[in-house]
Amino acid sequence: MSRLLRIAFWAAALFAFVMATLPAPPNLQVSDKLQHMTAFFVIALLGCAAFPRLSRLKLLLALIAFGGFIELVQMVPALHRDSEWGDWFADIAAASLALVVAALSARLRSARTD
């Protein structure tokens, strides 16, 4: 199961990167910030599940760096994309929220088994 979760994590991260760097991404009729938040929320949850021994702080720092990297790549003029601080902050907020949800969920599961 952990192998499948790791594949899902890397696939989601790759999908998010590709969608964020496509010169003409599909128009989903959803705000850009919501797209960023959804992607990073899902990637963070998958990261918790796929790498349970990795500290949540290290995962958060990696996701912060990943979001920053996406924004740097979006600065490439040939991509015709906009790099925004707000997008990066949305990534950070969503990843942080997902890690809090994962921690609370783990606590609830632990309390049920005690």
C-alpha atoms as a PDB file:
ATOM      1  CA  MET A   1       0.000   0.000   0.000  1.00  0.00           C
ATOM      2  CA  SER A   2       2.826   2.414   0.805  1.00  0.00           C
ATOM      3  CA  ARG A   3       4.257   1.965  -2.690  1.00  0.00           C
ATOM      4  CA  LEU A   4       0.901   2.885  -4.219  1.00  0.00           C
ATOM      5  CA  LEU A   5       0.657   5.939  -1.967  1.00  0.00           C
ATOM      6  CA  ARG A   6       4.147   7.047  -2.973  1.00  0.00           C
ATOM      7  CA  ILE A   7       3.274   6.678  -6.637  1.00  0.00           C
ATOM      8  CA  ALA A   8       0.097   8.709  -6.043  1.00  0.00           C
ATOM      9  CA  PHE A   9       2.084  11.394  -4.195  1.00  0.00           C
ATOM     10  CA  TRP A  10       4.667  11.785  -6.970  1.00  0.00           C
ATOM     11  CA  ALA A  11       1.988  11.640  -9.668  1.00  0.00           C
ATOM     12  CA  ALA A  12      -0.009  14.388  -7.949  1.00  0.00           C
ATOM     13  CA  ALA A  13       3.102  16.540  -7.514  1.00  0.00           C
ATOM     14  CA  LEU A  14       4.057  16.047 -11.158  1.00  0.00           C
ATOM     15  CA  PHE A  15       0.514  16.791 -12.309  1.00  0.00           C
ATOM     16  CA  ALA A  16       0.446  19.998 -10.235  1.00  0.00           C
ATOM     17  CA  PHE A  17       3.810  21.075 -11.629  1.00  0.00           C
ATOM     18  CA  VAL A  18       2.795  20.419 -15.229  1.00  0.00           C
ATOM     19  CA  MET A  19      -0.538  22.187 -14.852  1.00  0.00           C
ATOM     20  CA  ALA A  20       1.148  25.161 -13.167  1.00  0.00           C
ATOM     21  CA  THR A  21       3.734  25.521 -15.906  1.00  0.00           C
ATOM     22  CA  LEU A  22       1.699  24.849 -19.045  1.00  0.00           C
ATOM     23  CA  PRO A  23       1.686  27.956 -21.244  1.00  0.00           C
ATOM     24  CA  ALA A  24      -2.059  27.505 -21.867  1.00  0.00           C
ATOM     25  CA  PRO A  25      -3.618  25.444 -19.065  1.00  0.00           C
ATOM     26  CA  PRO A  26      -7.242  24.381 -19.357  1.00  0.00           C
ATOM     27  CA  ASN A  27      -9.712  26.942 -18.046  1.00  0.00           C
ATOM     28  CA  LEU A  28     -11.430  25.221 -15.130  1.00  0.00           C
ATOM     29  CA  GLN A  29     -13.712  28.151 -14.275  1.00  0.00           C
ATOM     30  CA  VAL A  30     -12.313  28.012 -10.720  1.00  0.00           C
ATOM     31  CA  SER A  31     -10.138  30.666  -9.117  1.00  0.00           C
ATOM     32  CA  ASP A  32      -6.393  30.266  -9.409  1.00  0.00           C
ATOM     33  CA  LYS A  33      -5.995  30.380  -5.624  1.00  0.00           C
ATOM     34  CA  LEU A  34      -8.520  27.583  -5.143  1.00  0.00           C
ATOM     35  CA  GLN A  35      -6.655  25.462  -7.686  1.00  0.00           C
ATOM     36  CA  HIS A  36      -3.380  26.043  -5.821  1.00  0.00           C
ATOM     37  CA  MET A  37      -4.976  25.271  -2.474  1.00  0.00           C
ATOM     38  CA  THR A  38      -6.658  22.102  -3.699  1.00  0.00           C
ATOM     39  CA  ALA A  39      -3.452  20.809  -5.262  1.00  0.00           C
ATOM     40  CA  PHE A  40      -1.302  21.454  -2.202  1.00  0.00           C
ATOM     41  CA  PHE A  41      -3.919  20.151   0.227  1.00  0.00           C
ATOM     42  CA  VAL A  42      -4.092  16.864  -1.689  1.00  0.00           C
ATOM     43  CA  ILE A  43      -0.325  16.607  -2.152  1.00  0.00           C
ATOM     44  CA  ALA A  44       0.251  17.240   1.560  1.00  0.00           C
ATOM     45  CA  LEU A  45      -2.270  14.583   2.605  1.00  0.00           C
ATOM     46  CA  LEU A  46      -0.747  12.111   0.158  1.00  0.00           C
ATOM     47  CA  GLY A  47       2.685  13.008   1.511  1.00  0.00           C
ATOM     48  CA  CYS A  48       1.606  12.216   5.072  1.00  0.00           C
ATOM     49  CA  ALA A  49       0.184   8.881   3.996  1.00  0.00           C
ATOM     50  CA  ALA A  50       3.038   7.958   1.657  1.00  0.00           C
ATOM     51  CA  PHE A  51       5.860   8.931   3.991  1.00  0.00           C
ATOM     52  CA  PRO A  52       4.559   8.323   7.527  1.00  0.00           C
ATOM     53  CA  ARG A  53       8.044   8.342   9.077  1.00  0.00           C
ATOM     54  CA  LEU A  54       8.894  11.747   7.620  1.00  0.00           C
ATOM     55  CA  SER A  55       8.282  14.541  10.094  1.00  0.00           C
ATOM     56  CA  ARG A  56       5.407  16.820   9.179  1.00  0.00           C
ATOM     57  CA  LEU A  57       7.716  19.819   9.506  1.00  0.00           C
ATOM     58  CA  LYS A  58      10.113  18.387   6.892  1.00  0.00           C
ATOM     59  CA  LEU A  59       7.188  17.602   4.604  1.00  0.00           C
ATOM     60  CA  LEU A  60       5.840  21.129   5.035  1.00  0.00           C
ATOM     61  CA  LEU A  61       9.254  22.645   4.279  1.00  0.00           C
ATOM     62  CA  ALA A  62       9.555  20.486   1.164  1.00  0.00           C
ATOM     63  CA  LEU A  63       6.095  21.572  -0.003  1.00  0.00           C
ATOM     64  CA  ILE A  64       6.926  25.220   0.675  1.00  0.00           C
ATOM     65  CA  ALA A  65      10.047  24.835  -1.455  1.00  0.00           C
ATOM     66  CA  PHE A  66       8.058  23.053  -4.171  1.00  0.00           C
ATOM     67  CA  GLY A  67       5.476  25.843  -4.262  1.00  0.00           C
ATOM     68  CA  GLY A  68       8.241  28.436  -4.430  1.00  0.00           C
ATOM     69  CA  PHE A  69       9.908  26.512  -7.246  1.00  0.00           C
ATOM     70  CA  ILE A  70       6.648  26.509  -9.209  1.00  0.00           C
ATOM     71  CA  GLU A  71       6.376  30.281  -8.812  1.00  0.00           C
ATOM     72  CA  LEU A  72       9.990  30.717  -9.981  1.00  0.00           C
ATOM     73  CA  VAL A  73       9.354  28.580 -13.058  1.00  0.00           C
ATOM     74  CA  GLN A  74       6.258  30.644 -13.812  1.00  0.00           C
ATOM     75  CA  MET A  75       8.563  33.672 -14.136  1.00  0.00           C
ATOM     76  CA  VAL A  76       9.983  32.242 -17.375  1.00  0.00           C
ATOM     77  CA  PRO A  77       8.687  34.663 -20.028  1.00  0.00           C
ATOM     78  CA  ALA A  78       8.193  31.932 -22.656  1.00  0.00           C
ATOM     79  CA  LEU A  79       5.560  30.259 -20.463  1.00  0.00           C
ATOM     80  CA  HIS A  80       3.321  33.363 -20.399  1.00  0.00           C
ATOM     81  CA  ARG A  81       2.370  32.593 -16.791  1.00  0.00           C
ATOM     82  CA  ASP A  82       2.034  34.900 -13.802  1.00  0.00           C
ATOM     83  CA  SER A  83       4.105  34.331 -10.709  1.00  0.00           C
ATOM     84  CA  GLU A  84       2.380  35.656  -7.599  1.00  0.00           C
ATOM     85  CA  TRP A  85       3.251  35.764  -3.931  1.00  0.00           C
ATOM     86  CA  GLY A  86      -0.412  35.090  -3.227  1.00  0.00           C
ATOM     87  CA  ASP A  87      -0.243  31.763  -5.032  1.00  0.00           C
ATOM     88  CA  TRP A  88       2.735  30.691  -2.939  1.00  0.00           C
ATOM     89  CA  PHE A  89       0.980  31.763   0.265  1.00  0.00           C
ATOM     90  CA  ALA A  90      -2.106  29.792  -0.825  1.00  0.00           C
ATOM     91  CA  ASP A  91       0.130  26.729  -1.314  1.00  0.00           C
ATOM     92  CA  ILE A  92       1.620  27.174   2.146  1.00  0.00           C
ATOM     93  CA  ALA A  93      -1.756  27.710   3.810  1.00  0.00           C
ATOM     94  CA  ALA A  94      -3.310  24.648   2.170  1.00  0.00           C
ATOM     95  CA  ALA A  95      -0.342  22.386   2.919  1.00  0.00           C
ATOM     96  CA  SER A  96      -0.305  23.585   6.530  1.00  0.00           C
ATOM     97  CA  LEU A  97      -4.028  22.981   6.915  1.00  0.00           C
ATOM     98  CA  ALA A  98      -3.718  19.493   5.420  1.00  0.00           C
ATOM     99  CA  LEU A  99      -0.929  18.614   7.853  1.00  0.00           C
ATOM    100  CA  VAL A 100      -3.045  19.826  10.779  1.00  0.00           C
ATOM    101  CA  VAL A 101      -5.968  17.720   9.517  1.00  0.00           C
ATOM    102  CA  ALA A 102      -3.654  14.699   9.174  1.00  0.00           C
ATOM    103  CA  ALA A 103      -2.308  15.193  12.703  1.00  0.00           C
ATOM    104  CA  LEU A 104      -5.809  15.506  14.162  1.00  0.00           C
ATOM    105  CA  SER A 105      -6.943  12.443  12.245  1.00  0.00           C
ATOM    106  CA  ALA A 106      -3.984  10.446  13.549  1.00  0.00           C
ATOM    107  CA  ARG A 107      -4.784  11.556  17.081  1.00  0.00           C
ATOM    108  CA  LEU A 108      -8.414  10.521  16.739  1.00  0.00           C
ATOM    109  CA  ARG A 109      -7.426   7.110  15.363  1.00  0.00           C
ATOM    110  CA  SER A 110      -4.959   6.681  18.207  1.00  0.00           C
ATOM    111  CA  ALA A 111      -7.573   7.654  20.804  1.00  0.00           C
ATOM    112  CA  ARG A 112     -10.018   5.098  19.395  1.00  0.00           C
ATOM    113  CA  THR A 113      -7.526   2.271  19.668  1.00  0.00           C
ATOM    114  CA  ASP A 114      -6.585   3.108  23.285  1.00  0.00           C
END
